[in-house]
Amino acid sequence: MENKKNNKTNIKFKVAYAFAVVIALGTVVFAKISTERNLGNIKSLEEQPVTITTTESTTILIEETVRQNLENVPDTREETEKITTEDKYNTPYKDYYCLPFGNKIVKDFNKNTLVYSETMGDWRTHQGIDFAGEEGTAVVAISYGEVISIYDDALFGTCVLIDHGNGVTAKYCGLNKDTLNVEEHSIVNIESVIGHSDFVPSEKSEGSHIHFEITYNGEIVEPLELMGK
């Protein structure tokens, strides 16, 4: 009698165990199927284009936010990486400048000494340098700079005034007005053609040349000395 009870108990235990195994296997299979189905849904979503619908006010708000973020980006560059306009200027008496009109000088700089003017028939100072060259020859900028004035002068003809930075201003005189290659506020680089030579009215008898002057911090200086020539 006791053995029959034990047998029935064993059978019930085995049935319960088998039932538990079936349920466990079913759960695993269901989880696998659900996972694959979800992955398939995600993949199909990735392949489909995403469309964002916004109102006009929302679009404006997004644009303003992006613009504000761009404008508020901090400058993390090193000081040596920050290039400003002044970096393009030469240092007076130290860096390289080119000559504006060949290298033949017909009259030197004489700021404090009177020299005789054949054209004017009198004695006067000469606050620049006269570079000789054939009429119509190109006149070039001695360095990087900005044209601050173009005007006609009774004594020196058509003149172009260029700010070369760091206190240096150069005056190119005796240019042909019809051949000017610049205008006020033009930016020039070293050896940029400003225009072509014509004549200097107050020095006309001295042959074809341009009259060239430099001021440094508002004071007239010897051009070749400042340029290191």
C-alpha atoms as a PDB file:
ATOM      1  CA  MET A   1       0.000   0.000   0.000  1.00  0.00           C
ATOM      2  CA  GLU A   2       2.839   2.302   0.910  1.00  0.00           C
ATOM      3  CA  ASN A   3       4.583   1.557  -2.384  1.00  0.00           C
ATOM      4  CA  LYS A   4       1.474   2.582  -4.363  1.00  0.00           C
ATOM      5  CA  LYS A   5       1.421   5.940  -2.605  1.00  0.00           C
ATOM      6  CA  ASN A   6       5.136   6.506  -3.347  1.00  0.00           C
ATOM      7  CA  ASN A   7       4.591   5.623  -6.995  1.00  0.00           C
ATOM      8  CA  LYS A   8       1.702   8.083  -7.295  1.00  0.00           C
ATOM      9  CA  THR A   9       3.839  10.784  -5.635  1.00  0.00           C
ATOM     10  CA  ASN A  10       6.722  10.148  -8.015  1.00  0.00           C
ATOM     11  CA  ILE A  11       4.403  10.333 -10.997  1.00  0.00           C
ATOM     12  CA  LYS A  12       2.939  13.644  -9.822  1.00  0.00           C
ATOM     13  CA  PHE A  13       6.438  15.023  -9.257  1.00  0.00           C
ATOM     14  CA  LYS A  14       7.612  13.959 -12.704  1.00  0.00           C
ATOM     15  CA  VAL A  15       4.525  15.490 -14.347  1.00  0.00           C
ATOM     16  CA  ALA A  16       5.024  18.760 -12.485  1.00  0.00           C
ATOM     17  CA  TYR A  17       8.711  18.799 -13.427  1.00  0.00           C
ATOM     18  CA  ALA A  18       7.940  18.129 -17.083  1.00  0.00           C
ATOM     19  CA  PHE A  19       5.285  20.826 -17.060  1.00  0.00           C
ATOM     20  CA  ALA A  20       7.780  23.324 -15.572  1.00  0.00           C
ATOM     21  CA  VAL A  21      10.367  22.453 -18.211  1.00  0.00           C
ATOM     22  CA  VAL A  22       7.809  22.982 -20.985  1.00  0.00           C
ATOM     23  CA  ILE A  23       6.825  26.359 -19.557  1.00  0.00           C
ATOM     24  CA  ALA A  24      10.508  27.411 -19.250  1.00  0.00           C
ATOM     25  CA  LEU A  25      11.261  26.385 -22.822  1.00  0.00           C
ATOM     26  CA  GLY A  26       8.158  28.164 -24.029  1.00  0.00           C
ATOM     27  CA  THR A  27       9.236  31.349 -22.243  1.00  0.00           C
ATOM     28  CA  VAL A  28      12.697  31.240 -23.855  1.00  0.00           C
ATOM     29  CA  VAL A  29      11.254  30.653 -27.310  1.00  0.00           C
ATOM     30  CA  PHE A  30       8.724  33.479 -26.859  1.00  0.00           C
ATOM     31  CA  ALA A  31      11.459  35.865 -25.658  1.00  0.00           C
ATOM     32  CA  LYS A  32      13.615  35.005 -28.671  1.00  0.00           C
ATOM     33  CA  ILE A  33      10.752  35.553 -31.086  1.00  0.00           C
ATOM     34  CA  SER A  34       9.863  38.897 -29.451  1.00  0.00           C
ATOM     35  CA  THR A  35      13.479  40.064 -29.568  1.00  0.00           C
ATOM     36  CA  GLU A  36      13.868  39.213 -33.256  1.00  0.00           C
ATOM     37  CA  ARG A  37      10.562  40.908 -34.032  1.00  0.00           C
ATOM     38  CA  ASN A  38      11.636  44.096 -32.189  1.00  0.00           C
ATOM     39  CA  LEU A  39      15.016  44.139 -33.919  1.00  0.00           C
ATOM     40  CA  GLY A  40      13.252  43.776 -37.249  1.00  0.00           C
ATOM     41  CA  ASN A  41      11.026  46.724 -36.413  1.00  0.00           C
ATOM     42  CA  ILE A  42      14.012  48.859 -35.426  1.00  0.00           C
ATOM     43  CA  LYS A  43      15.844  47.975 -38.648  1.00  0.00           C
ATOM     44  CA  SER A  44      12.822  48.854 -40.749  1.00  0.00           C
ATOM     45  CA  LEU A  45      12.551  52.191 -38.931  1.00  0.00           C
ATOM     46  CA  GLU A  46      16.211  52.939 -39.621  1.00  0.00           C
ATOM     47  CA  GLU A  47      15.688  52.391 -43.331  1.00  0.00           C
ATOM     48  CA  GLN A  48      12.715  54.741 -43.469  1.00  0.00           C
ATOM     49  CA  PRO A  49      13.303  58.513 -43.871  1.00  0.00           C
ATOM     50  CA  VAL A  50      12.557  60.603 -40.805  1.00  0.00           C
ATOM     51  CA  THR A  51      10.268  63.552 -41.347  1.00  0.00           C
ATOM     52  CA  ILE A  52      10.113  66.333 -38.773  1.00  0.00           C
ATOM     53  CA  THR A  53       7.155  68.638 -39.038  1.00  0.00           C
ATOM     54  CA  THR A  54       7.550  72.058 -37.475  1.00  0.00           C
ATOM     55  CA  THR A  55       5.513  75.208 -37.446  1.00  0.00           C
ATOM     56  CA  GLU A  56       7.006  78.490 -38.650  1.00  0.00           C
ATOM     57  CA  SER A  57       7.450  79.718 -35.073  1.00  0.00           C
ATOM     58  CA  THR A  58       9.221  76.483 -34.100  1.00  0.00           C
ATOM     59  CA  THR A  59      11.576  76.784 -37.072  1.00  0.00           C
ATOM     60  CA  ILE A  60      12.457  80.368 -36.156  1.00  0.00           C
ATOM     61  CA  LEU A  61      13.098  79.338 -32.554  1.00  0.00           C
ATOM     62  CA  ILE A  62      15.429  76.522 -33.669  1.00  0.00           C
ATOM     63  CA  GLU A  63      17.317  78.843 -36.048  1.00  0.00           C
ATOM     64  CA  GLU A  64      17.716  81.489 -33.347  1.00  0.00           C
ATOM     65  CA  THR A  65      18.962  78.875 -30.876  1.00  0.00           C
ATOM     66  CA  VAL A  66      21.516  77.498 -33.369  1.00  0.00           C
ATOM     67  CA  ARG A  67      22.690  80.998 -34.281  1.00  0.00           C
ATOM     68  CA  GLN A  68      23.019  81.946 -30.616  1.00  0.00           C
ATOM     69  CA  ASN A  69      25.021  78.813 -29.914  1.00  0.00           C
ATOM     70  CA  LEU A  70      27.336  79.544 -32.840  1.00  0.00           C
ATOM     71  CA  GLU A  71      27.868  83.129 -31.732  1.00  0.00           C
ATOM     72  CA  ASN A  72      28.628  82.096 -28.161  1.00  0.00           C
ATOM     73  CA  VAL A  73      31.347  79.551 -29.008  1.00  0.00           C
ATOM     74  CA  PRO A  74      34.443  80.477 -26.946  1.00  0.00           C
ATOM     75  CA  ASP A  75      37.758  81.143 -28.707  1.00  0.00           C
ATOM     76  CA  THR A  76      40.075  78.416 -27.469  1.00  0.00           C
ATOM     77  CA  ARG A  77      42.934  79.121 -29.875  1.00  0.00           C
ATOM     78  CA  GLU A  78      46.425  79.896 -28.661  1.00  0.00           C
ATOM     79  CA  GLU A  79      47.509  83.520 -28.969  1.00  0.00           C
ATOM     80  CA  THR A  80      49.967  82.579 -31.733  1.00  0.00           C
ATOM     81  CA  GLU A  81      47.069  81.201 -33.803  1.00  0.00           C
ATOM     82  CA  LYS A  82      45.068  84.437 -33.727  1.00  0.00           C
ATOM     83  CA  ILE A  83      45.844  86.364 -36.915  1.00  0.00           C
ATOM     84  CA  THR A  84      44.662  89.944 -37.106  1.00  0.00           C
ATOM     85  CA  THR A  85      44.898  92.543 -39.827  1.00  0.00           C
ATOM     86  CA  GLU A  86      47.786  94.244 -38.037  1.00  0.00           C
ATOM     87  CA  ASP A  87      49.846  91.062 -38.356  1.00  0.00           C
ATOM     88  CA  LYS A  88      50.033  91.773 -42.094  1.00  0.00           C
ATOM     89  CA  TYR A  89      51.745  95.109 -41.507  1.00  0.00           C
ATOM     90  CA  ASN A  90      55.513  95.396 -41.464  1.00  0.00           C
ATOM     91  CA  THR A  91      57.492  96.697 -38.523  1.00  0.00           C
ATOM     92  CA  PRO A  92      59.156 100.039 -39.382  1.00  0.00           C
ATOM     93  CA  TYR A  93      62.954  99.925 -39.670  1.00  0.00           C
ATOM     94  CA  LYS A  94      62.966  96.128 -39.219  1.00  0.00           C
ATOM     95  CA  ASP A  95      60.900  94.122 -41.696  1.00  0.00           C
ATOM     96  CA  TYR A  96      61.033  93.895 -45.472  1.00  0.00           C
ATOM     97  CA  TYR A  97      59.581  96.533 -47.798  1.00  0.00           C
ATOM     98  CA  CYS A  98      59.871  96.678 -51.572  1.00  0.00           C
ATOM     99  CA  LEU A  99      60.705  99.800 -53.580  1.00  0.00           C
ATOM    100  CA  PRO A 100      57.744 101.517 -55.256  1.00  0.00           C
ATOM    101  CA  PHE A 101      59.316 102.325 -58.621  1.00  0.00           C
ATOM    102  CA  GLY A 102      62.611 100.753 -59.678  1.00  0.00           C
ATOM    103  CA  ASN A 103      65.858 101.548 -57.896  1.00  0.00           C
ATOM    104  CA  LYS A 104      67.191 104.608 -59.726  1.00  0.00           C
ATOM    105  CA  ILE A 105      67.070 107.733 -57.571  1.00  0.00           C
ATOM    106  CA  VAL A 106      67.287 111.167 -59.217  1.00  0.00           C
ATOM    107  CA  LYS A 107      66.779 113.269 -56.072  1.00  0.00           C
ATOM    108  CA  ASP A 108      67.449 112.316 -52.453  1.00  0.00           C
ATOM    109  CA  PHE A 109      65.565 113.117 -49.279  1.00  0.00           C
ATOM    110  CA  ASN A 110      66.495 116.545 -47.853  1.00  0.00           C
ATOM    111  CA  LYS A 111      64.202 117.453 -45.009  1.00  0.00           C
ATOM    112  CA  ASN A 112      66.294 120.207 -43.473  1.00  0.00           C
ATOM    113  CA  THR A 113      68.541 121.258 -46.353  1.00  0.00           C
ATOM    114  CA  LEU A 114      67.445 123.559 -49.189  1.00  0.00           C
ATOM    115  CA  VAL A 115      67.987 122.242 -52.706  1.00  0.00           C
ATOM    116  CA  TYR A 116      67.518 124.067 -55.978  1.00  0.00           C
ATOM    117  CA  SER A 117      64.396 123.255 -58.022  1.00  0.00           C
ATOM    118  CA  GLU A 118      64.975 123.629 -61.771  1.00  0.00           C
ATOM    119  CA  THR A 119      61.251 123.506 -62.484  1.00  0.00           C
ATOM    120  CA  MET A 120      60.218 126.083 -59.867  1.00  0.00           C
ATOM    121  CA  GLY A 121      63.408 128.153 -60.133  1.00  0.00           C
ATOM    122  CA  ASP A 122      63.888 128.436 -56.355  1.00  0.00           C
ATOM    123  CA  TRP A 123      65.422 126.756 -53.316  1.00  0.00           C
ATOM    124  CA  ARG A 124      63.280 124.416 -51.212  1.00  0.00           C
ATOM    125  CA  THR A 125      63.437 121.298 -49.064  1.00  0.00           C
ATOM    126  CA  HIS A 126      62.752 117.893 -50.608  1.00  0.00           C
ATOM    127  CA  GLN A 127      60.752 115.760 -48.216  1.00  0.00           C
ATOM    128  CA  GLY A 128      60.702 112.622 -50.278  1.00  0.00           C
ATOM    129  CA  ILE A 129      62.694 110.582 -52.790  1.00  0.00           C
ATOM    130  CA  ASP A 130      62.363 110.769 -56.567  1.00  0.00           C
ATOM    131  CA  PHE A 131      62.531 107.388 -58.310  1.00  0.00           C
ATOM    132  CA  ALA A 132      63.255 107.622 -62.041  1.00  0.00           C
ATOM    133  CA  GLY A 133      61.543 105.478 -64.644  1.00  0.00           C
ATOM    134  CA  GLU A 134      59.855 105.639 -68.013  1.00  0.00           C
ATOM    135  CA  GLU A 135      56.446 107.256 -68.143  1.00  0.00           C
ATOM    136  CA  GLY A 136      53.716 104.630 -67.928  1.00  0.00           C
ATOM    137  CA  THR A 137      55.729 102.260 -65.728  1.00  0.00           C
ATOM    138  CA  ALA A 138      53.877 100.450 -62.946  1.00  0.00           C
ATOM    139  CA  VAL A 139      54.025 101.914 -59.427  1.00  0.00           C
ATOM    140  CA  VAL A 140      53.650  99.315 -56.658  1.00  0.00           C
ATOM    141  CA  ALA A 141      52.782  99.316 -52.954  1.00  0.00           C
ATOM    142  CA  ILE A 142      55.774  98.973 -50.653  1.00  0.00           C
ATOM    143  CA  SER A 143      53.836  96.738 -48.253  1.00  0.00           C
ATOM    144  CA  TYR A 144      50.383  95.604 -47.155  1.00  0.00           C
ATOM    145  CA  GLY A 145      48.048  98.512 -46.454  1.00  0.00           C
ATOM    146  CA  GLU A 146      44.799 100.391 -47.034  1.00  0.00           C
ATOM    147  CA  VAL A 147      44.282 103.284 -49.435  1.00  0.00           C
ATOM    148  CA  ILE A 148      43.030 106.181 -47.342  1.00  0.00           C
ATOM    149  CA  SER A 149      43.042 108.986 -49.911  1.00  0.00           C
ATOM    150  CA  ILE A 150      43.359 109.709 -53.643  1.00  0.00           C
ATOM    151  CA  TYR A 151      43.613 113.333 -54.744  1.00  0.00           C
ATOM    152  CA  ASP A 152      45.114 115.767 -57.245  1.00  0.00           C
ATOM    153  CA  ASP A 153      47.812 118.135 -56.029  1.00  0.00           C
ATOM    154  CA  ALA A 154      48.980 121.227 -57.930  1.00  0.00           C
ATOM    155  CA  LEU A 155      52.632 120.507 -57.079  1.00  0.00           C
ATOM    156  CA  PHE A 156      52.765 116.697 -57.063  1.00  0.00           C
ATOM    157  CA  GLY A 157      50.024 115.619 -59.490  1.00  0.00           C
ATOM    158  CA  THR A 158      47.774 112.659 -58.760  1.00  0.00           C
ATOM    159  CA  CYS A 159      48.641 111.251 -55.345  1.00  0.00           C
ATOM    160  CA  VAL A 160      47.679 108.035 -53.569  1.00  0.00           C
ATOM    161  CA  LEU A 161      47.981 107.937 -49.774  1.00  0.00           C
ATOM    162  CA  ILE A 162      48.285 104.469 -48.216  1.00  0.00           C
ATOM    163  CA  ASP A 163      48.229 103.525 -44.543  1.00  0.00           C
ATOM    164  CA  HIS A 164      50.775 100.707 -44.199  1.00  0.00           C
ATOM    165  CA  GLY A 165      50.093 100.202 -40.498  1.00  0.00           C
ATOM    166  CA  ASN A 166      52.136 100.626 -37.327  1.00  0.00           C
ATOM    167  CA  GLY A 167      52.252 104.396 -37.863  1.00  0.00           C
ATOM    168  CA  VAL A 168      53.590 104.241 -41.440  1.00  0.00           C
ATOM    169  CA  THR A 169      51.830 106.254 -44.162  1.00  0.00           C
ATOM    170  CA  ALA A 170      53.239 106.484 -47.693  1.00  0.00           C
ATOM    171  CA  LYS A 171      52.413 109.043 -50.379  1.00  0.00           C
ATOM    172  CA  TYR A 172      52.872 108.012 -54.003  1.00  0.00           C
ATOM    173  CA  CYS A 173      52.932 111.128 -56.212  1.00  0.00           C
ATOM    174  CA  GLY A 174      52.947 111.692 -59.970  1.00  0.00           C
ATOM    175  CA  LEU A 175      50.616 108.887 -61.038  1.00  0.00           C
ATOM    176  CA  ASN A 176      48.485 108.773 -64.155  1.00  0.00           C
ATOM    177  CA  LYS A 177      44.936 109.281 -62.934  1.00  0.00           C
ATOM    178  CA  ASP A 178      43.473 107.223 -65.788  1.00  0.00           C
ATOM    179  CA  THR A 179      45.541 104.151 -64.915  1.00  0.00           C
ATOM    180  CA  LEU A 180      44.852 103.921 -61.186  1.00  0.00           C
ATOM    181  CA  ASN A 181      44.264 100.356 -60.058  1.00  0.00           C
ATOM    182  CA  VAL A 182      42.916 101.272 -56.609  1.00  0.00           C
ATOM    183  CA  GLU A 183      40.255 103.404 -54.971  1.00  0.00           C
ATOM    184  CA  GLU A 184      39.773 104.747 -51.465  1.00  0.00           C
ATOM    185  CA  HIS A 185      39.565 101.937 -48.872  1.00  0.00           C
ATOM    186  CA  SER A 186      41.133  99.424 -51.271  1.00  0.00           C
ATOM    187  CA  ILE A 187      43.388  96.869 -49.598  1.00  0.00           C
ATOM    188  CA  VAL A 188      46.791  96.362 -51.226  1.00  0.00           C
ATOM    189  CA  ASN A 189      49.490  93.775 -50.706  1.00  0.00           C
ATOM    190  CA  ILE A 190      53.219  94.204 -51.112  1.00  0.00           C
ATOM    191  CA  GLU A 191      54.035  94.803 -54.811  1.00  0.00           C
ATOM    192  CA  SER A 192      50.364  95.356 -55.712  1.00  0.00           C
ATOM    193  CA  VAL A 193      50.153  97.701 -58.705  1.00  0.00           C
ATOM    194  CA  ILE A 194      48.686 101.030 -57.603  1.00  0.00           C
ATOM    195  CA  GLY A 195      48.759 102.605 -61.035  1.00  0.00           C
ATOM    196  CA  HIS A 196      51.261 103.860 -63.606  1.00  0.00           C
ATOM    197  CA  SER A 197      53.574 106.861 -63.601  1.00  0.00           C
ATOM    198  CA  ASP A 198      52.798 110.180 -65.280  1.00  0.00           C
ATOM    199  CA  PHE A 199      54.701 113.280 -64.151  1.00  0.00           C
ATOM    200  CA  VAL A 200      55.225 115.518 -61.101  1.00  0.00           C
ATOM    201  CA  PRO A 201      54.245 119.144 -61.990  1.00  0.00           C
ATOM    202  CA  SER A 202      56.682 120.849 -59.580  1.00  0.00           C
ATOM    203  CA  GLU A 203      59.549 118.572 -60.743  1.00  0.00           C
ATOM    204  CA  LYS A 204      58.685 118.148 -64.406  1.00  0.00           C
ATOM    205  CA  SER A 205      62.030 119.388 -65.737  1.00  0.00           C
ATOM    206  CA  GLU A 206      63.809 116.599 -63.842  1.00  0.00           C
ATOM    207  CA  GLY A 207      62.529 113.883 -66.155  1.00  0.00           C
ATOM    208  CA  SER A 208      60.035 111.059 -65.758  1.00  0.00           C
ATOM    209  CA  HIS A 209      59.816 109.895 -62.161  1.00  0.00           C
ATOM    210  CA  ILE A 210      57.540 109.553 -59.147  1.00  0.00           C
ATOM    211  CA  HIS A 211      57.862 111.490 -55.905  1.00  0.00           C
ATOM    212  CA  PHE A 212      57.591 109.231 -52.860  1.00  0.00           C
ATOM    213  CA  GLU A 213      57.179 110.279 -49.207  1.00  0.00           C
ATOM    214  CA  ILE A 214      56.754 108.433 -45.897  1.00  0.00           C
ATOM    215  CA  THR A 215      55.501 109.696 -42.539  1.00  0.00           C
ATOM    216  CA  TYR A 216      55.991 107.700 -39.369  1.00  0.00           C
ATOM    217  CA  ASN A 217      53.644 108.551 -36.484  1.00  0.00           C
ATOM    218  CA  GLY A 218      52.849 111.816 -38.249  1.00  0.00           C
ATOM    219  CA  GLU A 219      56.491 112.850 -38.813  1.00  0.00           C
ATOM    220  CA  ILE A 220      58.164 112.934 -42.222  1.00  0.00           C
ATOM    221  CA  VAL A 221      61.074 110.472 -42.290  1.00  0.00           C
ATOM    222  CA  GLU A 222      63.730 109.295 -44.727  1.00  0.00           C
ATOM    223  CA  PRO A 223      61.922 106.595 -46.768  1.00  0.00           C
ATOM    224  CA  LEU A 224      64.915 104.368 -47.506  1.00  0.00           C
ATOM    225  CA  GLU A 225      66.003 104.387 -43.867  1.00  0.00           C
ATOM    226  CA  LEU A 226      62.590 103.317 -42.624  1.00  0.00           C
ATOM    227  CA  MET A 227      62.411 100.583 -45.270  1.00  0.00           C
ATOM    228  CA  GLY A 228      65.892  99.370 -44.419  1.00  0.00           C
ATOM    229  CA  LYS A 229      67.248 100.031 -47.908  1.00  0.00           C
END
